[in-house]
């Protein structure tokens, strides 16, 4: 079993997902979704994580679903990044093989955050559904050498900078078990 297949199976086993059409309850929750920004709640982001780095990354990603409008979990394969899972308005889903379009992203230092327009990134991956109104900014965060997060937020820049700083600190604590 190659490493990609192994990682995919681990992601699927960790994330609670449903391949069926979302229920009315899920659709209503997504419609009324509002990303959490309370700094006191961010403490829970990095608590009680497993020791395995892959499990830790997947759980951190699923927890980020509460703090951003949308996100994509990426795995590094050579110089390309392959999406493995995504969340939108709090609802996390594992991507099927047919939905995975590898993309190239800039090389960055660990835990640095790059910001860009969301539309071109989402188009490259074929995931425009994550920002149908084109109101978000895309943040590229690489907490590990072999995985990264694309996080999408509609927060105004003034609040987004502090929110990203606090989230990045919480992720760092979680990755390093601090």
N, C-alpha and C. Protein backbone atom coordinates (compact mmCIF):
# COMPACT_ATOMS: atom_id res chain seq x y z
N UNK A 1 0.85 -1.18 0.00
CA UNK A 1 0.00 0.00 0.00
C UNK A 1 0.89 1.23 0.00
N UNK A 2 0.68 2.13 -0.97
CA UNK A 2 1.53 3.31 -1.00
C UNK A 2 1.12 4.30 0.09
N UNK A 3 1.95 5.28 0.32
CA UNK A 3 1.74 6.22 1.43
C UNK A 3 0.47 7.06 1.22
N UNK A 4 0.15 7.40 -0.03
CA UNK A 4 -1.06 8.20 -0.31
C UNK A 4 -2.31 7.42 0.07
N UNK A 5 -2.36 6.17 -0.35
CA UNK A 5 -3.52 5.32 -0.03
C UNK A 5 -3.63 5.15 1.48
N UNK A 6 -2.50 4.95 2.14
CA UNK A 6 -2.50 4.79 3.59
C UNK A 6 -3.03 6.05 4.27
N UNK A 7 -2.53 7.20 3.83
CA UNK A 7 -2.99 8.47 4.43
C UNK A 7 -4.48 8.67 4.19
N UNK A 8 -4.93 8.38 2.97
CA UNK A 8 -6.35 8.53 2.65
C UNK A 8 -7.21 7.68 3.59
N UNK A 9 -6.81 6.44 3.83
CA UNK A 9 -7.56 5.57 4.72
C UNK A 9 -7.58 6.11 6.14
N UNK A 10 -6.46 6.67 6.58
CA UNK A 10 -6.41 7.24 7.93
C UNK A 10 -7.30 8.47 8.04
N UNK A 11 -7.28 9.31 7.02
CA UNK A 11 -8.13 10.50 7.04
C UNK A 11 -9.59 10.08 7.09
N UNK A 12 -9.97 9.12 6.25
CA UNK A 12 -11.35 8.66 6.23
C UNK A 12 -11.77 8.07 7.57
N UNK A 13 -10.85 7.36 8.23
CA UNK A 13 -11.21 6.74 9.50
C UNK A 13 -11.33 7.77 10.62
N UNK A 14 -10.59 8.86 10.53
CA UNK A 14 -10.63 9.87 11.59
C UNK A 14 -11.81 10.81 11.41
N UNK A 15 -11.99 11.29 10.19
CA UNK A 15 -13.07 12.24 9.94
C UNK A 15 -14.39 11.51 9.85
N UNK A 16 -15.36 12.01 10.54
CA UNK A 16 -16.70 11.45 10.47
C UNK A 16 -17.34 12.05 9.24
N UNK A 17 -17.53 11.24 8.21
CA UNK A 17 -18.09 11.76 6.97
C UNK A 17 -19.22 10.87 6.49
N UNK A 18 -20.01 11.43 5.63
CA UNK A 18 -21.16 10.73 5.07
C UNK A 18 -21.17 11.01 3.58
N UNK A 19 -21.11 9.96 2.77
CA UNK A 19 -21.07 10.15 1.32
C UNK A 19 -22.45 10.44 0.74
N UNK A 20 -23.50 10.34 1.54
CA UNK A 20 -24.84 10.61 1.06
C UNK A 20 -25.07 12.11 0.97
N UNK A 21 -26.17 12.48 0.38
CA UNK A 21 -26.56 13.88 0.29
C UNK A 21 -26.79 14.41 1.70
N UNK A 22 -26.28 15.61 2.03
CA UNK A 22 -26.48 16.15 3.37
C UNK A 22 -27.97 16.29 3.71
N UNK A 23 -28.30 16.03 4.95
CA UNK A 23 -29.68 16.13 5.41
C UNK A 23 -30.12 17.59 5.48
N UNK A 24 -31.41 17.78 5.65
CA UNK A 24 -31.94 19.14 5.78
C UNK A 24 -31.34 19.84 6.99
N UNK A 25 -31.10 19.08 8.04
CA UNK A 25 -30.52 19.64 9.26
C UNK A 25 -29.11 20.18 8.98
N UNK A 26 -28.32 19.42 8.24
CA UNK A 26 -26.97 19.85 7.88
C UNK A 26 -27.03 21.08 6.98
N UNK A 27 -27.91 21.07 6.01
CA UNK A 27 -28.04 22.21 5.10
C UNK A 27 -28.46 23.48 5.85
N UNK A 28 -29.36 23.35 6.82
CA UNK A 28 -29.78 24.50 7.62
C UNK A 28 -28.62 25.00 8.47
N UNK A 29 -27.86 24.08 9.06
CA UNK A 29 -26.71 24.48 9.87
C UNK A 29 -25.67 25.21 9.02
N UNK A 30 -25.44 24.72 7.81
CA UNK A 30 -24.49 25.39 6.91
C UNK A 30 -24.97 26.77 6.53
N UNK A 31 -26.27 26.92 6.30
CA UNK A 31 -26.84 28.21 5.91
C UNK A 31 -26.67 29.24 7.02
N UNK A 32 -26.82 28.80 8.27
CA UNK A 32 -26.73 29.71 9.42
C UNK A 32 -25.34 29.76 10.04
N UNK A 33 -24.35 29.19 9.37
CA UNK A 33 -23.00 29.11 9.92
C UNK A 33 -22.36 30.48 10.07
N UNK A 34 -21.68 30.65 11.18
CA UNK A 34 -20.85 31.83 11.40
C UNK A 34 -19.57 31.37 12.08
N UNK A 35 -18.43 31.67 11.48
CA UNK A 35 -17.15 31.24 12.02
C UNK A 35 -16.92 31.82 13.41
N UNK A 36 -16.40 30.99 14.30
CA UNK A 36 -16.09 31.44 15.66
C UNK A 36 -14.84 32.31 15.63
N UNK A 37 -14.86 33.39 16.38
CA UNK A 37 -13.70 34.27 16.46
C UNK A 37 -13.30 34.58 17.90
N UNK A 38 -14.01 34.04 18.86
CA UNK A 38 -13.71 34.30 20.26
C UNK A 38 -12.36 33.67 20.62
N UNK A 39 -11.39 34.49 21.01
CA UNK A 39 -10.05 33.95 21.32
C UNK A 39 -10.05 32.93 22.46
N UNK A 40 -11.00 33.03 23.37
CA UNK A 40 -11.06 32.08 24.49
C UNK A 40 -11.37 30.67 24.01
N UNK A 41 -12.12 30.56 22.91
CA UNK A 41 -12.49 29.25 22.38
C UNK A 41 -11.33 28.58 21.64
N UNK A 42 -10.36 29.37 21.21
CA UNK A 42 -9.23 28.81 20.46
C UNK A 42 -8.34 27.90 21.30
N UNK A 43 -8.43 28.01 22.61
CA UNK A 43 -7.62 27.13 23.47
C UNK A 43 -7.94 25.66 23.22
N UNK A 44 -9.19 25.38 22.92
CA UNK A 44 -9.61 24.00 22.69
C UNK A 44 -9.10 23.42 21.38
N UNK A 45 -8.64 24.26 20.48
CA UNK A 45 -8.16 23.80 19.18
C UNK A 45 -6.97 22.84 19.33
N UNK A 46 -6.10 23.10 20.28
CA UNK A 46 -4.87 22.31 20.39
C UNK A 46 -4.86 21.34 21.57
N UNK A 47 -5.98 21.17 22.23
CA UNK A 47 -6.02 20.29 23.40
C UNK A 47 -6.37 18.86 23.04
N UNK A 48 -5.85 17.92 23.81
CA UNK A 48 -6.19 16.49 23.72
C UNK A 48 -5.98 15.92 22.32
N UNK A 49 -4.83 16.21 21.74
CA UNK A 49 -4.52 15.67 20.42
C UNK A 49 -3.70 14.38 20.56
N UNK A 50 -3.85 13.46 19.61
CA UNK A 50 -3.07 12.22 19.66
C UNK A 50 -1.59 12.49 19.39
N UNK A 51 -0.74 11.53 19.64
CA UNK A 51 0.69 11.71 19.42
C UNK A 51 1.10 11.51 17.97
N UNK A 52 0.36 10.71 17.22
CA UNK A 52 0.69 10.45 15.82
C UNK A 52 0.50 11.74 15.01
N UNK A 53 1.51 12.10 14.21
CA UNK A 53 1.47 13.38 13.51
C UNK A 53 0.36 13.46 12.46
N UNK A 54 0.08 12.35 11.77
CA UNK A 54 -1.00 12.38 10.76
C UNK A 54 -2.35 12.54 11.44
N UNK A 55 -2.59 11.77 12.48
CA UNK A 55 -3.85 11.88 13.22
C UNK A 55 -4.02 13.28 13.79
N UNK A 56 -2.93 13.82 14.32
CA UNK A 56 -2.96 15.16 14.90
C UNK A 56 -3.34 16.19 13.83
N UNK A 57 -2.74 16.09 12.65
CA UNK A 57 -3.02 17.04 11.56
C UNK A 57 -4.48 16.96 11.13
N UNK A 58 -5.00 15.76 11.00
CA UNK A 58 -6.38 15.59 10.56
C UNK A 58 -7.36 16.13 11.60
N UNK A 59 -7.11 15.85 12.85
CA UNK A 59 -8.00 16.34 13.91
C UNK A 59 -7.93 17.87 14.01
N UNK A 60 -6.73 18.43 13.92
CA UNK A 60 -6.61 19.89 13.91
C UNK A 60 -7.41 20.48 12.75
N UNK A 61 -7.28 19.87 11.58
CA UNK A 61 -8.02 20.37 10.41
C UNK A 61 -9.52 20.32 10.66
N UNK A 62 -10.01 19.22 11.20
CA UNK A 62 -11.46 19.12 11.43
C UNK A 62 -11.92 20.14 12.46
N UNK A 63 -11.10 20.44 13.44
CA UNK A 63 -11.45 21.46 14.43
C UNK A 63 -11.46 22.86 13.83
N UNK A 64 -10.62 23.10 12.83
CA UNK A 64 -10.58 24.41 12.18
C UNK A 64 -11.89 24.74 11.47
N UNK A 65 -12.71 23.73 11.21
CA UNK A 65 -13.99 23.94 10.53
C UNK A 65 -14.89 24.91 11.28
N UNK A 66 -14.67 25.07 12.57
CA UNK A 66 -15.49 25.99 13.37
C UNK A 66 -15.00 27.44 13.28
N UNK A 67 -13.75 27.63 12.82
CA UNK A 67 -13.12 28.95 12.87
C UNK A 67 -12.96 29.63 11.52
N UNK A 68 -13.30 28.91 10.44
CA UNK A 68 -13.18 29.48 9.09
C UNK A 68 -14.39 29.09 8.26
N UNK A 69 -14.66 29.86 7.23
CA UNK A 69 -15.79 29.58 6.35
C UNK A 69 -15.60 28.26 5.60
N UNK A 70 -14.37 28.02 5.18
CA UNK A 70 -14.07 26.80 4.44
C UNK A 70 -12.59 26.48 4.60
N UNK A 71 -12.21 25.26 4.22
CA UNK A 71 -10.82 24.87 4.28
C UNK A 71 -10.57 23.61 3.48
N UNK A 72 -9.30 23.42 3.11
CA UNK A 72 -8.89 22.24 2.36
C UNK A 72 -7.65 21.68 3.03
N UNK A 73 -7.67 20.38 3.30
CA UNK A 73 -6.52 19.66 3.85
C UNK A 73 -5.70 19.14 2.67
N UNK A 74 -4.43 19.53 2.60
CA UNK A 74 -3.56 19.15 1.48
C UNK A 74 -2.44 18.23 1.96
N UNK A 75 -2.08 17.30 1.10
CA UNK A 75 -0.94 16.44 1.37
C UNK A 75 0.10 16.67 0.29
N UNK A 76 1.36 16.74 0.70
CA UNK A 76 2.45 16.95 -0.26
C UNK A 76 2.80 15.66 -0.97
N UNK A 77 2.94 15.77 -2.29
CA UNK A 77 3.43 14.65 -3.09
C UNK A 77 4.39 15.24 -4.11
N UNK A 78 5.69 15.04 -3.86
CA UNK A 78 6.76 15.65 -4.64
C UNK A 78 6.59 17.16 -4.52
N UNK A 79 6.46 17.89 -5.63
CA UNK A 79 6.32 19.35 -5.57
C UNK A 79 4.88 19.80 -5.72
N UNK A 80 3.94 18.86 -5.62
CA UNK A 80 2.53 19.19 -5.77
C UNK A 80 1.79 18.91 -4.47
N UNK A 81 0.64 19.57 -4.32
CA UNK A 81 -0.21 19.38 -3.16
C UNK A 81 -1.52 18.76 -3.62
N UNK A 82 -1.92 17.67 -2.96
CA UNK A 82 -3.15 16.99 -3.32
C UNK A 82 -4.19 17.18 -2.22
N UNK A 83 -5.36 17.73 -2.55
CA UNK A 83 -6.42 17.88 -1.55
C UNK A 83 -6.93 16.50 -1.10
N UNK A 84 -7.10 16.34 0.20
CA UNK A 84 -7.59 15.08 0.76
C UNK A 84 -8.98 15.22 1.38
N UNK A 85 -9.25 16.39 1.94
CA UNK A 85 -10.54 16.63 2.60
C UNK A 85 -10.81 18.13 2.56
N UNK A 86 -12.06 18.48 2.78
CA UNK A 86 -12.41 19.90 2.86
C UNK A 86 -13.54 20.08 3.86
N UNK A 87 -13.68 21.32 4.31
CA UNK A 87 -14.85 21.66 5.12
C UNK A 87 -15.47 22.92 4.54
N UNK A 88 -16.76 23.05 4.75
CA UNK A 88 -17.49 24.23 4.32
C UNK A 88 -18.59 24.49 5.33
N UNK A 89 -18.56 25.66 5.92
CA UNK A 89 -19.54 26.07 6.93
C UNK A 89 -19.71 25.01 8.02
N UNK A 90 -18.58 24.49 8.51
CA UNK A 90 -18.59 23.57 9.63
C UNK A 90 -18.76 22.11 9.29
N UNK A 91 -19.02 21.79 8.05
CA UNK A 91 -19.29 20.41 7.62
C UNK A 91 -18.06 19.87 6.90
N UNK A 92 -17.44 18.81 7.45
CA UNK A 92 -16.20 18.24 6.92
C UNK A 92 -16.50 17.04 6.05
N UNK A 93 -15.81 16.96 4.89
CA UNK A 93 -15.96 15.83 3.98
C UNK A 93 -14.61 15.40 3.45
N UNK A 94 -14.44 14.09 3.29
CA UNK A 94 -13.26 13.55 2.63
C UNK A 94 -13.51 13.61 1.13
N UNK A 95 -12.49 14.00 0.37
CA UNK A 95 -12.64 14.08 -1.08
C UNK A 95 -12.45 12.70 -1.71
N UNK A 96 -13.24 12.41 -2.71
CA UNK A 96 -13.10 11.18 -3.47
C UNK A 96 -11.97 11.38 -4.48
N UNK A 97 -11.41 10.28 -4.97
CA UNK A 97 -10.28 10.35 -5.92
C UNK A 97 -10.58 11.24 -7.12
N UNK A 98 -11.78 11.17 -7.65
CA UNK A 98 -12.14 11.95 -8.83
C UNK A 98 -12.16 13.45 -8.54
N UNK A 99 -12.30 13.84 -7.27
CA UNK A 99 -12.38 15.26 -6.90
C UNK A 99 -11.00 15.86 -6.60
N UNK A 100 -9.97 15.05 -6.61
CA UNK A 100 -8.64 15.51 -6.20
C UNK A 100 -7.84 16.02 -7.38
N UNK A 101 -7.64 17.33 -7.44
CA UNK A 101 -6.82 17.94 -8.48
C UNK A 101 -5.60 18.54 -7.82
N UNK A 102 -4.44 17.98 -8.13
CA UNK A 102 -3.18 18.44 -7.54
C UNK A 102 -2.87 19.85 -8.03
N UNK A 103 -2.30 20.63 -7.12
CA UNK A 103 -1.93 22.01 -7.45
C UNK A 103 -0.52 22.28 -6.94
N UNK A 104 0.10 23.28 -7.53
CA UNK A 104 1.39 23.73 -7.01
C UNK A 104 1.16 24.99 -6.18
N UNK A 105 1.89 25.07 -5.11
CA UNK A 105 1.81 26.22 -4.21
C UNK A 105 3.22 26.68 -3.89
N UNK A 106 3.39 27.92 -3.49
CA UNK A 106 4.73 28.42 -3.20
C UNK A 106 5.37 27.68 -2.03
N UNK A 107 6.68 27.58 -2.07
CA UNK A 107 7.42 26.99 -0.95
C UNK A 107 7.42 28.01 0.18
N UNK A 108 7.11 27.53 1.38
CA UNK A 108 7.05 28.41 2.54
C UNK A 108 7.74 27.76 3.72
N UNK A 109 8.07 28.56 4.68
CA UNK A 109 8.58 28.05 5.94
C UNK A 109 7.42 27.45 6.72
N UNK A 110 7.74 26.52 7.61
CA UNK A 110 6.70 25.94 8.45
C UNK A 110 6.05 27.05 9.29
N UNK A 111 4.74 26.97 9.41
CA UNK A 111 3.90 27.86 10.21
C UNK A 111 3.80 29.29 9.67
N UNK A 112 4.37 29.55 8.49
CA UNK A 112 4.14 30.88 7.90
C UNK A 112 2.80 30.85 7.18
N UNK A 113 2.20 32.02 7.06
CA UNK A 113 0.87 32.12 6.44
C UNK A 113 0.96 33.05 5.24
N UNK A 114 0.53 32.54 4.09
CA UNK A 114 0.45 33.36 2.88
C UNK A 114 -1.03 33.62 2.59
N UNK A 115 -1.31 34.80 2.08
CA UNK A 115 -2.69 35.19 1.78
C UNK A 115 -2.82 35.53 0.30
N UNK A 116 -3.93 35.12 -0.29
CA UNK A 116 -4.18 35.40 -1.70
C UNK A 116 -5.68 35.40 -1.98
N UNK A 117 -6.03 35.74 -3.19
CA UNK A 117 -7.42 35.70 -3.63
C UNK A 117 -7.86 34.24 -3.69
N UNK A 118 -9.02 33.92 -3.21
CA UNK A 118 -9.50 32.54 -3.15
C UNK A 118 -9.91 31.99 -4.51
N UNK A 119 -10.44 32.81 -5.37
CA UNK A 119 -11.03 32.33 -6.62
C UNK A 119 -10.08 31.48 -7.48
N UNK A 120 -8.85 31.94 -7.79
CA UNK A 120 -7.98 31.14 -8.65
C UNK A 120 -7.58 29.79 -8.03
N UNK A 121 -7.36 29.78 -6.73
CA UNK A 121 -6.97 28.53 -6.03
C UNK A 121 -8.12 27.54 -6.10
N UNK A 122 -9.32 28.01 -5.79
CA UNK A 122 -10.48 27.12 -5.82
C UNK A 122 -10.77 26.62 -7.23
N UNK A 123 -10.55 27.45 -8.23
CA UNK A 123 -10.75 27.02 -9.62
C UNK A 123 -9.77 25.92 -10.00
N UNK A 124 -8.50 26.08 -9.59
CA UNK A 124 -7.49 25.06 -9.89
C UNK A 124 -7.88 23.70 -9.32
N UNK A 125 -8.49 23.71 -8.14
CA UNK A 125 -8.86 22.45 -7.48
C UNK A 125 -10.27 22.00 -7.85
N UNK A 126 -11.01 22.85 -8.55
CA UNK A 126 -12.39 22.51 -8.88
C UNK A 126 -13.31 22.52 -7.67
N UNK A 127 -13.00 23.36 -6.71
CA UNK A 127 -13.78 23.42 -5.46
C UNK A 127 -14.42 24.79 -5.26
N UNK A 128 -14.92 25.40 -6.33
CA UNK A 128 -15.55 26.73 -6.24
C UNK A 128 -16.75 26.73 -5.30
N UNK A 129 -17.32 25.58 -5.05
CA UNK A 129 -18.48 25.47 -4.14
C UNK A 129 -18.13 25.95 -2.73
N UNK A 130 -16.84 25.98 -2.39
CA UNK A 130 -16.43 26.42 -1.06
C UNK A 130 -16.53 27.93 -0.88
N UNK A 131 -16.65 28.66 -1.99
CA UNK A 131 -16.81 30.12 -1.93
C UNK A 131 -17.70 30.57 -3.09
N UNK A 132 -18.97 30.17 -3.07
CA UNK A 132 -19.84 30.48 -4.21
C UNK A 132 -20.07 31.97 -4.43
N UNK A 133 -20.00 32.75 -3.37
CA UNK A 133 -20.22 34.20 -3.49
C UNK A 133 -18.93 34.98 -3.71
N UNK A 134 -17.81 34.29 -3.73
CA UNK A 134 -16.49 34.88 -3.93
C UNK A 134 -16.23 36.03 -2.95
N UNK A 135 -16.44 35.72 -1.67
CA UNK A 135 -16.27 36.73 -0.63
C UNK A 135 -15.14 36.41 0.34
N UNK A 136 -14.36 35.37 0.05
CA UNK A 136 -13.34 34.98 1.01
C UNK A 136 -11.93 35.25 0.50
N UNK A 137 -11.02 35.28 1.43
CA UNK A 137 -9.60 35.34 1.15
C UNK A 137 -9.05 33.96 1.48
N UNK A 138 -8.02 33.54 0.75
CA UNK A 138 -7.41 32.23 0.96
C UNK A 138 -6.11 32.39 1.75
N UNK A 139 -5.97 31.59 2.78
CA UNK A 139 -4.76 31.58 3.61
C UNK A 139 -4.10 30.22 3.46
N UNK A 140 -2.82 30.20 3.12
CA UNK A 140 -2.06 28.97 2.98
C UNK A 140 -1.17 28.83 4.21
N UNK A 141 -1.38 27.77 4.97
CA UNK A 141 -0.64 27.52 6.20
C UNK A 141 -0.06 26.12 6.13
N UNK A 142 1.24 26.01 6.34
CA UNK A 142 1.92 24.72 6.28
C UNK A 142 2.49 24.38 7.66
N UNK A 143 1.70 23.68 8.50
CA UNK A 143 2.19 23.32 9.83
C UNK A 143 3.16 22.14 9.83
N UNK A 144 3.18 21.35 8.76
CA UNK A 144 4.07 20.19 8.70
C UNK A 144 4.73 20.11 7.34
N UNK A 145 5.75 19.26 7.23
CA UNK A 145 6.46 19.15 5.96
C UNK A 145 5.64 18.46 4.89
N UNK A 146 4.74 17.57 5.30
CA UNK A 146 3.98 16.80 4.32
C UNK A 146 2.49 17.11 4.28
N UNK A 147 2.05 18.11 5.00
CA UNK A 147 0.64 18.51 4.94
C UNK A 147 0.52 20.02 5.13
N UNK A 148 -0.60 20.54 4.64
CA UNK A 148 -0.86 21.98 4.75
C UNK A 148 -2.36 22.21 4.75
N UNK A 149 -2.75 23.40 5.13
CA UNK A 149 -4.16 23.79 5.15
C UNK A 149 -4.34 25.02 4.26
N UNK A 150 -5.39 25.00 3.46
CA UNK A 150 -5.89 26.21 2.81
C UNK A 150 -7.13 26.60 3.61
N UNK A 151 -7.13 27.78 4.16
CA UNK A 151 -8.24 28.24 4.99
C UNK A 151 -8.87 29.47 4.33
N UNK A 152 -10.18 29.50 4.29
CA UNK A 152 -10.90 30.57 3.60
C UNK A 152 -11.74 31.33 4.61
N UNK A 153 -11.60 32.66 4.60
CA UNK A 153 -12.30 33.48 5.57
C UNK A 153 -12.90 34.72 4.92
N UNK A 154 -14.08 35.07 5.40
CA UNK A 154 -14.73 36.29 4.94
C UNK A 154 -14.62 37.41 5.98
N UNK A 155 -13.81 37.19 7.01
CA UNK A 155 -13.62 38.24 8.02
C UNK A 155 -12.92 39.45 7.40
N UNK A 156 -13.30 40.65 7.80
CA UNK A 156 -12.57 41.83 7.34
C UNK A 156 -11.11 41.75 7.78
N UNK A 157 -10.23 42.34 6.98
CA UNK A 157 -8.79 42.25 7.21
C UNK A 157 -8.38 42.66 8.62
N UNK A 158 -9.01 43.67 9.16
CA UNK A 158 -8.67 44.15 10.50
C UNK A 158 -8.81 43.05 11.55
N UNK A 159 -9.87 42.25 11.48
CA UNK A 159 -10.09 41.17 12.43
C UNK A 159 -9.37 39.89 12.01
N UNK A 160 -9.21 39.72 10.71
CA UNK A 160 -8.60 38.49 10.20
C UNK A 160 -7.15 38.34 10.66
N UNK A 161 -6.38 39.40 10.67
CA UNK A 161 -4.97 39.32 11.06
C UNK A 161 -4.82 38.77 12.48
N UNK A 162 -5.58 39.29 13.40
CA UNK A 162 -5.50 38.81 14.79
C UNK A 162 -6.03 37.39 14.90
N UNK A 163 -7.10 37.08 14.20
CA UNK A 163 -7.68 35.74 14.21
C UNK A 163 -6.67 34.71 13.69
N UNK A 164 -6.01 35.03 12.60
CA UNK A 164 -5.01 34.13 12.03
C UNK A 164 -3.83 33.97 12.98
N UNK A 165 -3.41 35.03 13.61
CA UNK A 165 -2.30 34.95 14.57
C UNK A 165 -2.64 33.99 15.71
N UNK A 166 -3.83 34.14 16.26
CA UNK A 166 -4.25 33.29 17.38
C UNK A 166 -4.43 31.83 16.94
N UNK A 167 -4.99 31.62 15.76
CA UNK A 167 -5.17 30.25 15.25
C UNK A 167 -3.81 29.62 14.99
N UNK A 168 -2.90 30.36 14.40
CA UNK A 168 -1.56 29.84 14.11
C UNK A 168 -0.84 29.46 15.40
N UNK A 169 -0.95 30.27 16.43
CA UNK A 169 -0.35 29.94 17.72
C UNK A 169 -0.96 28.67 18.30
N UNK A 170 -2.27 28.53 18.20
CA UNK A 170 -2.94 27.33 18.71
C UNK A 170 -2.51 26.09 17.93
N UNK A 171 -2.40 26.20 16.63
CA UNK A 171 -1.94 25.07 15.81
C UNK A 171 -0.51 24.70 16.19
N UNK A 172 0.33 25.69 16.36
CA UNK A 172 1.72 25.44 16.76
C UNK A 172 1.78 24.68 18.09
N UNK A 173 0.97 25.13 19.06
CA UNK A 173 0.93 24.44 20.36
C UNK A 173 0.47 22.98 20.17
N UNK A 174 -0.51 22.78 19.33
CA UNK A 174 -1.04 21.44 19.10
C UNK A 174 -0.04 20.54 18.42
N UNK A 175 0.65 21.04 17.42
CA UNK A 175 1.64 20.25 16.68
C UNK A 175 2.80 19.85 17.59
N UNK A 176 3.22 20.76 18.46
CA UNK A 176 4.38 20.52 19.31
C UNK A 176 4.01 20.09 20.73
N UNK A 177 2.74 19.73 20.94
CA UNK A 177 2.27 19.25 22.25
C UNK A 177 2.64 20.17 23.40
N UNK A 178 2.45 21.46 23.18
CA UNK A 178 2.78 22.43 24.25
C UNK A 178 1.56 22.75 25.07
